[in-house]
Amino acid sequence: MNAISMKVNADELIMMALKEDITSEDITTASVMKEYKLGEVELICKQDGVIAGLDVFCRVFELLDSGTKFDMFKKDGDDVKKGELIGKVTGDIRVLLSGERTALNYLQRMSGIATYTRTVAKLLEGTKTKLLDTRKTTPNMRVFEKYAVKVGGGCNHRYNLSDGILLKDNHIGAAGGVAEAVRMAKEYAPFVRKIEVEVENLDMLKEALDAGADIVMLDNMSPEDMKEAVKMAKGRAETECSGNVTKENIARLTDIGVDYISSGALTHSAPILDLSLKNLHAV
């Protein structure tokens, strides 16, 4: 994230996280460090993975004290190894202590998502299929989690409900059918918006294609039906495969030929990457 993006999209959310952790004061730090003292602490990796969120990590401390300094030996997207020194943070010891948990929470979460995404994306190498995330993100963490997916080698699906039209089963039910839902979306939406329709079988697919859908999401269909769906949609609409896709089962989908595979697991099931701030000392 660059400085402008950070200020526009992230600063308010980071301050909310800090306020969650410090409602009045950090009484532990206040009890052992009553006045300013310059200190340094090391950011150490405790397991192999992909680092993501270093700018967010640093911003936590900067919002507490703009005079905090950073010496980072890695950048977002780099591989990191267990025991590796990633960087050092220098500043008011009280700031280093009070910001530690929030900064690590962001960095561990984002690095975990980037690490998991990198693992899944590698399984699609050599195919034309792109890996997408979903809106299955942690509340107030979407901007960070979707950024981490990109760092890990995935692509972002729509950011939110204002970002694109995706007619799912309940929208289709509310409209009274696939064709009617597409017609209503075309009538309502600006012309620059693509219309994506979730389909569960080949009959629904035909109806969506005949109605003029731009993208069809093949939801929980068998690999055999998906292969047929790709043939039916060729030249008429882009194809997306969805439905409980994880790193354990994505291999069954790699030779189907869909344009996209979306996986909520990238953001809702990725474990954190274990990182730690250690060896705090006065300088």
C-alpha atoms as a PDB file:
ATOM      1  CA  MET A   1       0.000   0.000   0.000  1.00  0.00           C
ATOM      2  CA  ASN A   2       1.316   3.459  -0.824  1.00  0.00           C
ATOM      3  CA  ALA A   3       1.050   6.483   1.478  1.00  0.00           C
ATOM      4  CA  ILE A   4      -2.113   7.847  -0.163  1.00  0.00           C
ATOM      5  CA  SER A   5      -3.906   4.499  -0.072  1.00  0.00           C
ATOM      6  CA  MET A   6      -2.887   4.044   3.547  1.00  0.00           C
ATOM      7  CA  LYS A   7      -4.313   7.397   4.629  1.00  0.00           C
ATOM      8  CA  VAL A   8      -7.520   7.042   2.618  1.00  0.00           C
ATOM      9  CA  ASN A   9      -8.307   3.382   3.309  1.00  0.00           C
ATOM     10  CA  ALA A  10      -6.401   2.202   6.346  1.00  0.00           C
ATOM     11  CA  ASP A  11      -5.674   4.898   8.941  1.00  0.00           C
ATOM     12  CA  GLU A  12      -9.198   5.039  10.374  1.00  0.00           C
ATOM     13  CA  LEU A  13      -9.373   1.256  10.639  1.00  0.00           C
ATOM     14  CA  ILE A  14      -5.957   1.048  12.298  1.00  0.00           C
ATOM     15  CA  MET A  15      -6.996   3.711  14.819  1.00  0.00           C
ATOM     16  CA  MET A  16     -10.144   1.707  15.580  1.00  0.00           C
ATOM     17  CA  ALA A  17      -7.968  -1.328  16.274  1.00  0.00           C
ATOM     18  CA  LEU A  18      -5.698   0.693  18.543  1.00  0.00           C
ATOM     19  CA  LYS A  19      -8.680   2.125  20.412  1.00  0.00           C
ATOM     20  CA  GLU A  20      -9.993  -1.406  20.876  1.00  0.00           C
ATOM     21  CA  ASP A  21      -6.712  -2.319  22.592  1.00  0.00           C
ATOM     22  CA  ILE A  22      -6.205   0.943  24.535  1.00  0.00           C
ATOM     23  CA  THR A  23      -9.488   2.299  25.870  1.00  0.00           C
ATOM     24  CA  SER A  24      -7.879   4.710  28.340  1.00  0.00           C
ATOM     25  CA  GLU A  25      -4.218   3.784  28.831  1.00  0.00           C
ATOM     26  CA  ASP A  26      -1.779   0.903  28.620  1.00  0.00           C
ATOM     27  CA  ILE A  27      -1.480   0.434  32.354  1.00  0.00           C
ATOM     28  CA  THR A  28       1.190  -2.269  32.112  1.00  0.00           C
ATOM     29  CA  THR A  29       3.533  -0.111  30.047  1.00  0.00           C
ATOM     30  CA  ALA A  30       2.755   2.979  32.143  1.00  0.00           C
ATOM     31  CA  SER A  31       3.759   1.097  35.272  1.00  0.00           C
ATOM     32  CA  VAL A  32       7.212   0.036  34.009  1.00  0.00           C
ATOM     33  CA  MET A  33       8.067   2.950  31.667  1.00  0.00           C
ATOM     34  CA  LYS A  34       6.978   6.272  33.155  1.00  0.00           C
ATOM     35  CA  GLU A  35       8.802   8.573  30.725  1.00  0.00           C
ATOM     36  CA  TYR A  36      10.354   8.663  27.271  1.00  0.00           C
ATOM     37  CA  LYS A  37      13.256   6.366  26.521  1.00  0.00           C
ATOM     38  CA  LEU A  38      14.546   5.474  23.054  1.00  0.00           C
ATOM     39  CA  GLY A  39      14.479   1.767  22.301  1.00  0.00           C
ATOM     40  CA  GLU A  40      14.787  -0.810  19.548  1.00  0.00           C
ATOM     41  CA  VAL A  41      12.984  -4.101  18.960  1.00  0.00           C
ATOM     42  CA  GLU A  42      13.484  -6.840  16.351  1.00  0.00           C
ATOM     43  CA  LEU A  43      10.812  -8.335  14.083  1.00  0.00           C
ATOM     44  CA  ILE A  44      11.547 -12.053  13.811  1.00  0.00           C
ATOM     45  CA  CYS A  45       9.898 -14.730  11.672  1.00  0.00           C
ATOM     46  CA  LYS A  46       8.977 -17.940  13.500  1.00  0.00           C
ATOM     47  CA  GLN A  47       7.885 -20.049  10.507  1.00  0.00           C
ATOM     48  CA  ASP A  48       8.378 -20.160   6.739  1.00  0.00           C
ATOM     49  CA  GLY A  49       5.941 -18.164   4.640  1.00  0.00           C
ATOM     50  CA  VAL A  50       5.240 -15.039   2.600  1.00  0.00           C
ATOM     51  CA  ILE A  51       5.388 -11.641   4.287  1.00  0.00           C
ATOM     52  CA  ALA A  52       2.556  -9.154   3.666  1.00  0.00           C
ATOM     53  CA  GLY A  53       1.429  -6.022   5.491  1.00  0.00           C
ATOM     54  CA  LEU A  54       4.730  -4.405   6.430  1.00  0.00           C
ATOM     55  CA  ASP A  55       3.399  -0.910   5.651  1.00  0.00           C
ATOM     56  CA  VAL A  56       0.370  -1.556   7.862  1.00  0.00           C
ATOM     57  CA  PHE A  57       2.626  -2.920  10.612  1.00  0.00           C
ATOM     58  CA  CYS A  58       4.746   0.238  10.482  1.00  0.00           C
ATOM     59  CA  ARG A  59       1.727   2.522  10.288  1.00  0.00           C
ATOM     60  CA  VAL A  60       0.455   1.291  13.650  1.00  0.00           C
ATOM     61  CA  PHE A  61       3.538   2.691  15.360  1.00  0.00           C
ATOM     62  CA  GLU A  62       3.581   5.846  13.217  1.00  0.00           C
ATOM     63  CA  LEU A  63       0.030   6.705  14.272  1.00  0.00           C
ATOM     64  CA  LEU A  64       1.140   6.451  17.895  1.00  0.00           C
ATOM     65  CA  ASP A  65       4.324   8.437  17.241  1.00  0.00           C
ATOM     66  CA  SER A  66       5.327   9.826  13.837  1.00  0.00           C
ATOM     67  CA  GLY A  67       8.953   9.798  14.966  1.00  0.00           C
ATOM     68  CA  THR A  68       9.153   5.979  14.990  1.00  0.00           C
ATOM     69  CA  LYS A  69      11.822   4.651  12.599  1.00  0.00           C
ATOM     70  CA  PHE A  70      11.956   1.374  10.674  1.00  0.00           C
ATOM     71  CA  ASP A  71      14.729  -0.653   9.102  1.00  0.00           C
ATOM     72  CA  MET A  72      13.109  -3.453   7.095  1.00  0.00           C
ATOM     73  CA  PHE A  73      15.123  -6.119   5.307  1.00  0.00           C
ATOM     74  CA  LYS A  74      12.138  -7.575   3.437  1.00  0.00           C
ATOM     75  CA  LYS A  75       9.294  -6.234   1.298  1.00  0.00           C
ATOM     76  CA  ASP A  76       5.738  -7.477   0.834  1.00  0.00           C
ATOM     77  CA  GLY A  77       5.660 -10.631  -1.274  1.00  0.00           C
ATOM     78  CA  ASP A  78       9.087 -11.860  -0.188  1.00  0.00           C
ATOM     79  CA  ASP A  79       9.573 -15.372   1.128  1.00  0.00           C
ATOM     80  CA  VAL A  80      10.639 -15.496   4.777  1.00  0.00           C
ATOM     81  CA  LYS A  81      12.190 -18.307   6.771  1.00  0.00           C
ATOM     82  CA  LYS A  82      11.898 -19.464  10.362  1.00  0.00           C
ATOM     83  CA  GLY A  83      14.363 -17.586  12.562  1.00  0.00           C
ATOM     84  CA  GLU A  84      14.956 -14.833   9.992  1.00  0.00           C
ATOM     85  CA  LEU A  85      15.299 -11.209  11.105  1.00  0.00           C
ATOM     86  CA  ILE A  86      12.782  -9.246   9.056  1.00  0.00           C
ATOM     87  CA  GLY A  87      13.464  -5.796  10.438  1.00  0.00           C
ATOM     88  CA  LYS A  88      13.982  -3.469  13.386  1.00  0.00           C
ATOM     89  CA  VAL A  89      11.762  -0.777  14.884  1.00  0.00           C
ATOM     90  CA  THR A  90      13.261   2.162  16.778  1.00  0.00           C
ATOM     91  CA  GLY A  91      11.331   4.671  18.847  1.00  0.00           C
ATOM     92  CA  ASP A  92       9.770   5.559  22.179  1.00  0.00           C
ATOM     93  CA  ILE A  93       9.774   2.325  24.175  1.00  0.00           C
ATOM     94  CA  ARG A  94       6.257   3.118  25.396  1.00  0.00           C
ATOM     95  CA  VAL A  95       5.055   3.215  21.775  1.00  0.00           C
ATOM     96  CA  LEU A  96       6.855  -0.014  20.911  1.00  0.00           C
ATOM     97  CA  LEU A  97       5.184  -1.773  23.823  1.00  0.00           C
ATOM     98  CA  SER A  98       1.687  -0.349  23.335  1.00  0.00           C
ATOM     99  CA  GLY A  99       1.582  -0.872  19.559  1.00  0.00           C
ATOM    100  CA  GLU A 100       3.159  -4.335  19.506  1.00  0.00           C
ATOM    101  CA  ARG A 101       0.040  -6.497  19.607  1.00  0.00           C
ATOM    102  CA  THR A 102      -2.012  -4.516  17.105  1.00  0.00           C
ATOM    103  CA  ALA A 103       0.893  -4.277  14.650  1.00  0.00           C
ATOM    104  CA  LEU A 104       1.571  -8.006  14.866  1.00  0.00           C
ATOM    105  CA  ASN A 105      -2.111  -8.882  14.551  1.00  0.00           C
ATOM    106  CA  TYR A 106      -2.235  -7.136  11.182  1.00  0.00           C
ATOM    107  CA  LEU A 107       1.081  -8.514   9.956  1.00  0.00           C
ATOM    108  CA  GLN A 108       0.437 -12.096  11.066  1.00  0.00           C
ATOM    109  CA  ARG A 109      -3.064 -12.155   9.562  1.00  0.00           C
ATOM    110  CA  MET A 110      -2.049 -10.590   6.260  1.00  0.00           C
ATOM    111  CA  SER A 111       1.072 -12.744   5.938  1.00  0.00           C
ATOM    112  CA  GLY A 112      -0.957 -15.861   6.663  1.00  0.00           C
ATOM    113  CA  ILE A 113      -3.379 -15.014   3.853  1.00  0.00           C
ATOM    114  CA  ALA A 114      -0.518 -14.255   1.442  1.00  0.00           C
ATOM    115  CA  THR A 115       1.177 -17.528   2.370  1.00  0.00           C
ATOM    116  CA  TYR A 116      -1.975 -19.608   1.865  1.00  0.00           C
ATOM    117  CA  THR A 117      -2.811 -17.806  -1.373  1.00  0.00           C
ATOM    118  CA  ARG A 118       0.692 -18.407  -2.740  1.00  0.00           C
ATOM    119  CA  THR A 119       0.298 -22.129  -2.036  1.00  0.00           C
ATOM    120  CA  VAL A 120      -3.036 -22.312  -3.876  1.00  0.00           C
ATOM    121  CA  ALA A 121      -1.927 -20.076  -6.757  1.00  0.00           C
ATOM    122  CA  LYS A 122       1.030 -22.352  -7.452  1.00  0.00           C
ATOM    123  CA  LEU A 123      -1.407 -25.206  -8.052  1.00  0.00           C
ATOM    124  CA  LEU A 124      -2.858 -23.217 -10.973  1.00  0.00           C
ATOM    125  CA  GLU A 125       0.484 -22.456 -12.622  1.00  0.00           C
ATOM    126  CA  GLY A 126       0.523 -23.496 -16.266  1.00  0.00           C
ATOM    127  CA  THR A 127      -3.220 -23.001 -16.695  1.00  0.00           C
ATOM    128  CA  LYS A 128      -5.194 -20.013 -17.972  1.00  0.00           C
ATOM    129  CA  THR A 129      -7.308 -19.967 -14.799  1.00  0.00           C
ATOM    130  CA  LYS A 130      -6.993 -17.033 -12.406  1.00  0.00           C
ATOM    131  CA  LEU A 131      -7.480 -17.415  -8.645  1.00  0.00           C
ATOM    132  CA  LEU A 132     -10.011 -15.055  -7.043  1.00  0.00           C
ATOM    133  CA  ASP A 133     -10.934 -14.161  -3.493  1.00  0.00           C
ATOM    134  CA  THR A 134     -14.488 -13.491  -2.242  1.00  0.00           C
ATOM    135  CA  ARG A 135     -16.343 -11.197   0.162  1.00  0.00           C
ATOM    136  CA  LYS A 136     -15.916 -13.789   2.924  1.00  0.00           C
ATOM    137  CA  THR A 137     -13.613 -11.500   4.848  1.00  0.00           C
ATOM    138  CA  THR A 138     -13.295 -10.420   8.482  1.00  0.00           C
ATOM    139  CA  PRO A 139     -15.437  -7.330   9.179  1.00  0.00           C
ATOM    140  CA  ASN A 140     -13.334  -4.144   8.951  1.00  0.00           C
ATOM    141  CA  MET A 141     -10.412  -6.179   7.585  1.00  0.00           C
ATOM    142  CA  ARG A 142     -11.404  -6.443   3.907  1.00  0.00           C
ATOM    143  CA  VAL A 143      -8.990  -3.830   2.570  1.00  0.00           C
ATOM    144  CA  PHE A 144      -6.095  -5.583   4.322  1.00  0.00           C
ATOM    145  CA  GLU A 145      -7.151  -9.143   3.501  1.00  0.00           C
ATOM    146  CA  LYS A 146      -7.800  -8.502  -0.185  1.00  0.00           C
ATOM    147  CA  TYR A 147      -4.457  -6.714  -0.454  1.00  0.00           C
ATOM    148  CA  ALA A 148      -2.788  -9.785   1.093  1.00  0.00           C
ATOM    149  CA  VAL A 149      -4.447 -12.030  -1.518  1.00  0.00           C
ATOM    150  CA  LYS A 150      -2.846  -9.931  -4.278  1.00  0.00           C
ATOM    151  CA  VAL A 151       0.541 -10.104  -2.549  1.00  0.00           C
ATOM    152  CA  GLY A 152       0.200 -13.893  -2.471  1.00  0.00           C
ATOM    153  CA  GLY A 153      -0.448 -14.087  -6.205  1.00  0.00           C
ATOM    154  CA  GLY A 154      -4.244 -14.159  -6.286  1.00  0.00           C
ATOM    155  CA  CYS A 155      -6.673 -11.681  -7.865  1.00  0.00           C
ATOM    156  CA  ASN A 156      -9.473  -9.694  -6.301  1.00  0.00           C
ATOM    157  CA  HIS A 157     -13.120 -10.396  -7.115  1.00  0.00           C
ATOM    158  CA  ARG A 158     -15.485  -7.448  -6.557  1.00  0.00           C
ATOM    159  CA  TYR A 159     -14.528  -5.437  -3.478  1.00  0.00           C
ATOM    160  CA  ASN A 160     -18.058  -4.940  -2.164  1.00  0.00           C
ATOM    161  CA  LEU A 161     -21.730  -4.848  -3.141  1.00  0.00           C
ATOM    162  CA  SER A 162     -21.299  -1.516  -4.922  1.00  0.00           C
ATOM    163  CA  ASP A 163     -18.513  -2.885  -7.104  1.00  0.00           C
ATOM    164  CA  GLY A 164     -20.347  -5.300  -9.378  1.00  0.00           C
ATOM    165  CA  ILE A 165     -23.530  -7.270 -10.035  1.00  0.00           C
ATOM    166  CA  LEU A 166     -23.563 -10.895  -8.950  1.00  0.00           C
ATOM    167  CA  LEU A 167     -26.991 -12.521  -9.147  1.00  0.00           C
ATOM    168  CA  LYS A 168     -26.942 -15.424  -6.694  1.00  0.00           C
ATOM    169  CA  ASP A 169     -29.657 -17.975  -5.916  1.00  0.00           C
ATOM    170  CA  ASN A 170     -31.627 -15.720  -3.579  1.00  0.00           C
ATOM    171  CA  HIS A 171     -31.512 -12.772  -6.001  1.00  0.00           C
ATOM    172  CA  ILE A 172     -32.791 -15.072  -8.745  1.00  0.00           C
ATOM    173  CA  GLY A 173     -35.517 -16.332  -6.416  1.00  0.00           C
ATOM    174  CA  ALA A 174     -36.518 -12.770  -5.524  1.00  0.00           C
ATOM    175  CA  ALA A 175     -36.685 -11.778  -9.210  1.00  0.00           C
ATOM    176  CA  GLY A 176     -38.650 -14.847 -10.243  1.00  0.00           C
ATOM    177  CA  GLY A 177     -36.057 -16.548 -12.420  1.00  0.00           C
ATOM    178  CA  VAL A 178     -32.701 -16.218 -14.150  1.00  0.00           C
ATOM    179  CA  ALA A 179     -33.905 -14.425 -17.264  1.00  0.00           C
ATOM    180  CA  GLU A 180     -35.989 -11.951 -15.290  1.00  0.00           C
ATOM    181  CA  ALA A 181     -33.121 -11.251 -12.878  1.00  0.00           C
ATOM    182  CA  VAL A 182     -30.713 -10.519 -15.738  1.00  0.00           C
ATOM    183  CA  ARG A 183     -33.291  -8.338 -17.492  1.00  0.00           C
ATOM    184  CA  MET A 184     -33.858  -6.300 -14.337  1.00  0.00           C
ATOM    185  CA  ALA A 185     -30.122  -5.945 -13.710  1.00  0.00           C
ATOM    186  CA  LYS A 186     -29.509  -4.720 -17.254  1.00  0.00           C
ATOM    187  CA  GLU A 187     -32.337  -2.225 -16.876  1.00  0.00           C
ATOM    188  CA  TYR A 188     -31.109  -0.888 -13.534  1.00  0.00           C
ATOM    189  CA  ALA A 189     -27.310  -1.006 -13.719  1.00  0.00           C
ATOM    190  CA  PRO A 190     -24.990   1.488 -15.430  1.00  0.00           C
ATOM    191  CA  PHE A 191     -23.812   0.183 -18.788  1.00  0.00           C
ATOM    192  CA  VAL A 192     -20.221  -0.151 -17.547  1.00  0.00           C
ATOM    193  CA  ARG A 193     -21.184  -2.917 -15.097  1.00  0.00           C
ATOM    194  CA  LYS A 194     -20.754  -6.563 -16.025  1.00  0.00           C
ATOM    195  CA  ILE A 195     -23.491  -8.930 -14.913  1.00  0.00           C
ATOM    196  CA  GLU A 196     -22.495 -12.224 -13.325  1.00  0.00           C
ATOM    197  CA  VAL A 197     -25.013 -15.000 -12.673  1.00  0.00           C
ATOM    198  CA  GLU A 198     -24.612 -17.950 -10.322  1.00  0.00           C
ATOM    199  CA  VAL A 199     -25.888 -21.179 -11.897  1.00  0.00           C
ATOM    200  CA  GLU A 200     -26.261 -24.614 -10.343  1.00  0.00           C
ATOM    201  CA  ASN A 201     -26.960 -26.749 -13.421  1.00  0.00           C
ATOM    202  CA  LEU A 202     -26.749 -26.692 -17.206  1.00  0.00           C
ATOM    203  CA  ASP A 203     -30.371 -25.623 -17.659  1.00  0.00           C
ATOM    204  CA  MET A 204     -29.771 -22.523 -15.552  1.00  0.00           C
ATOM    205  CA  LEU A 205     -26.572 -21.915 -17.485  1.00  0.00           C
ATOM    206  CA  LYS A 206     -28.405 -21.945 -20.833  1.00  0.00           C
ATOM    207  CA  GLU A 207     -30.986 -19.525 -19.470  1.00  0.00           C
ATOM    208  CA  ALA A 208     -28.257 -17.175 -18.183  1.00  0.00           C
ATOM    209  CA  LEU A 209     -26.385 -17.260 -21.484  1.00  0.00           C
ATOM    210  CA  ASP A 210     -29.550 -16.654 -23.506  1.00  0.00           C
ATOM    211  CA  ALA A 211     -30.375 -13.707 -21.215  1.00  0.00           C
ATOM    212  CA  GLY A 212     -26.978 -12.122 -21.952  1.00  0.00           C
ATOM    213  CA  ALA A 213     -24.974 -12.707 -18.759  1.00  0.00           C
ATOM    214  CA  ASP A 214     -21.364 -11.526 -19.044  1.00  0.00           C
ATOM    215  CA  ILE A 215     -19.983 -14.021 -16.507  1.00  0.00           C
ATOM    216  CA  VAL A 216     -21.453 -17.290 -15.232  1.00  0.00           C
ATOM    217  CA  MET A 217     -20.487 -18.714 -11.862  1.00  0.00           C
ATOM    218  CA  LEU A 218     -20.620 -22.511 -11.847  1.00  0.00           C
ATOM    219  CA  ASP A 219     -21.586 -23.175  -8.252  1.00  0.00           C
ATOM    220  CA  ASN A 220     -20.963 -26.611  -6.732  1.00  0.00           C
ATOM    221  CA  MET A 221     -21.368 -28.364 -10.100  1.00  0.00           C
ATOM    222  CA  SER A 222     -19.661 -31.667 -10.852  1.00  0.00           C
ATOM    223  CA  PRO A 223     -16.376 -31.511 -12.804  1.00  0.00           C
ATOM    224  CA  GLU A 224     -18.120 -33.223 -15.719  1.00  0.00           C
ATOM    225  CA  ASP A 225     -20.919 -30.660 -15.838  1.00  0.00           C
ATOM    226  CA  MET A 226     -18.416 -27.823 -15.489  1.00  0.00           C
ATOM    227  CA  LYS A 227     -16.478 -29.069 -18.519  1.00  0.00           C
ATOM    228  CA  GLU A 228     -19.709 -29.078 -20.504  1.00  0.00           C
ATOM    229  CA  ALA A 229     -20.566 -25.630 -19.150  1.00  0.00           C
ATOM    230  CA  VAL A 230     -17.231 -24.230 -20.354  1.00  0.00           C
ATOM    231  CA  LYS A 231     -18.013 -25.522 -23.859  1.00  0.00           C
ATOM    232  CA  MET A 232     -21.494 -23.985 -23.771  1.00  0.00           C
ATOM    233  CA  ALA A 233     -20.211 -20.611 -22.556  1.00  0.00           C
ATOM    234  CA  LYS A 234     -17.262 -20.354 -24.945  1.00  0.00           C
ATOM    235  CA  GLY A 235     -17.452 -17.095 -26.864  1.00  0.00           C
ATOM    236  CA  ARG A 236     -20.579 -16.048 -24.991  1.00  0.00           C
ATOM    237  CA  ALA A 237     -19.524 -15.455 -21.363  1.00  0.00           C
ATOM    238  CA  GLU A 238     -16.586 -15.816 -19.019  1.00  0.00           C
ATOM    239  CA  THR A 239     -16.708 -18.695 -16.547  1.00  0.00           C
ATOM    240  CA  GLU A 240     -16.028 -18.840 -12.834  1.00  0.00           C
ATOM    241  CA  CYS A 241     -15.959 -21.952 -10.664  1.00  0.00           C
ATOM    242  CA  SER A 242     -16.974 -21.656  -7.015  1.00  0.00           C
ATOM    243  CA  GLY A 243     -17.979 -23.790  -4.067  1.00  0.00           C
ATOM    244  CA  ASN A 244     -15.857 -24.766  -1.055  1.00  0.00           C
ATOM    245  CA  VAL A 245     -12.572 -24.582  -2.981  1.00  0.00           C
ATOM    246  CA  THR A 246      -9.466 -25.189  -0.847  1.00  0.00           C
ATOM    247  CA  LYS A 247      -5.827 -26.062  -1.453  1.00  0.00           C
ATOM    248  CA  GLU A 248      -6.729 -29.686  -0.725  1.00  0.00           C
ATOM    249  CA  ASN A 249      -9.319 -30.026  -3.508  1.00  0.00           C
ATOM    250  CA  ILE A 250      -8.467 -27.418  -6.155  1.00  0.00           C
ATOM    251  CA  ALA A 251      -6.444 -29.955  -8.191  1.00  0.00           C
ATOM    252  CA  ARG A 252      -9.692 -31.543  -9.436  1.00  0.00           C
ATOM    253  CA  LEU A 253     -10.588 -28.232 -11.118  1.00  0.00           C
ATOM    254  CA  THR A 254      -7.356 -27.299 -12.861  1.00  0.00           C
ATOM    255  CA  ASP A 255      -8.065 -29.021 -16.195  1.00  0.00           C
ATOM    256  CA  ILE A 256     -11.667 -27.852 -16.589  1.00  0.00           C
ATOM    257  CA  GLY A 257     -10.718 -24.684 -18.429  1.00  0.00           C
ATOM    258  CA  VAL A 258     -12.684 -22.087 -16.480  1.00  0.00           C
ATOM    259  CA  ASP A 259     -11.458 -18.492 -16.594  1.00  0.00           C
ATOM    260  CA  TYR A 260     -11.597 -18.058 -12.827  1.00  0.00           C
ATOM    261  CA  ILE A 261     -11.724 -20.106  -9.631  1.00  0.00           C
ATOM    262  CA  SER A 262     -12.932 -18.266  -6.529  1.00  0.00           C
ATOM    263  CA  SER A 263     -12.109 -19.436  -3.033  1.00  0.00           C
ATOM    264  CA  GLY A 264     -13.444 -18.013   0.209  1.00  0.00           C
ATOM    265  CA  ALA A 265     -10.838 -20.103   2.017  1.00  0.00           C
ATOM    266  CA  LEU A 266      -8.126 -17.640   0.971  1.00  0.00           C
ATOM    267  CA  THR A 267      -9.432 -15.187   3.556  1.00  0.00           C
ATOM    268  CA  HIS A 268     -11.636 -17.152   5.942  1.00  0.00           C
ATOM    269  CA  SER A 269      -9.449 -20.219   6.503  1.00  0.00           C
ATOM    270  CA  ALA A 270      -5.833 -19.097   6.164  1.00  0.00           C
ATOM    271  CA  PRO A 271      -3.873 -19.594   9.420  1.00  0.00           C
ATOM    272  CA  ILE A 272      -1.714 -16.728  10.627  1.00  0.00           C
ATOM    273  CA  LEU A 273       2.010 -16.631   9.954  1.00  0.00           C
ATOM    274  CA  ASP A 274       3.838 -16.765  13.297  1.00  0.00           C
ATOM    275  CA  LEU A 275       5.873 -13.583  13.814  1.00  0.00           C
ATOM    276  CA  SER A 276       7.264 -11.957  16.917  1.00  0.00           C
ATOM    277  CA  LEU A 277       8.763  -8.740  18.256  1.00  0.00           C
ATOM    278  CA  LYS A 278      11.740  -9.678  20.413  1.00  0.00           C
ATOM    279  CA  ASN A 279      14.853  -8.357  22.112  1.00  0.00           C
ATOM    280  CA  LEU A 280      13.510  -4.944  23.098  1.00  0.00           C
ATOM    281  CA  HIS A 281      16.324  -2.827  24.545  1.00  0.00           C
ATOM    282  CA  ALA A 282      17.220   0.788  25.160  1.00  0.00           C
ATOM    283  CA  VAL A 283      19.551   2.489  22.661  1.00  0.00           C
END
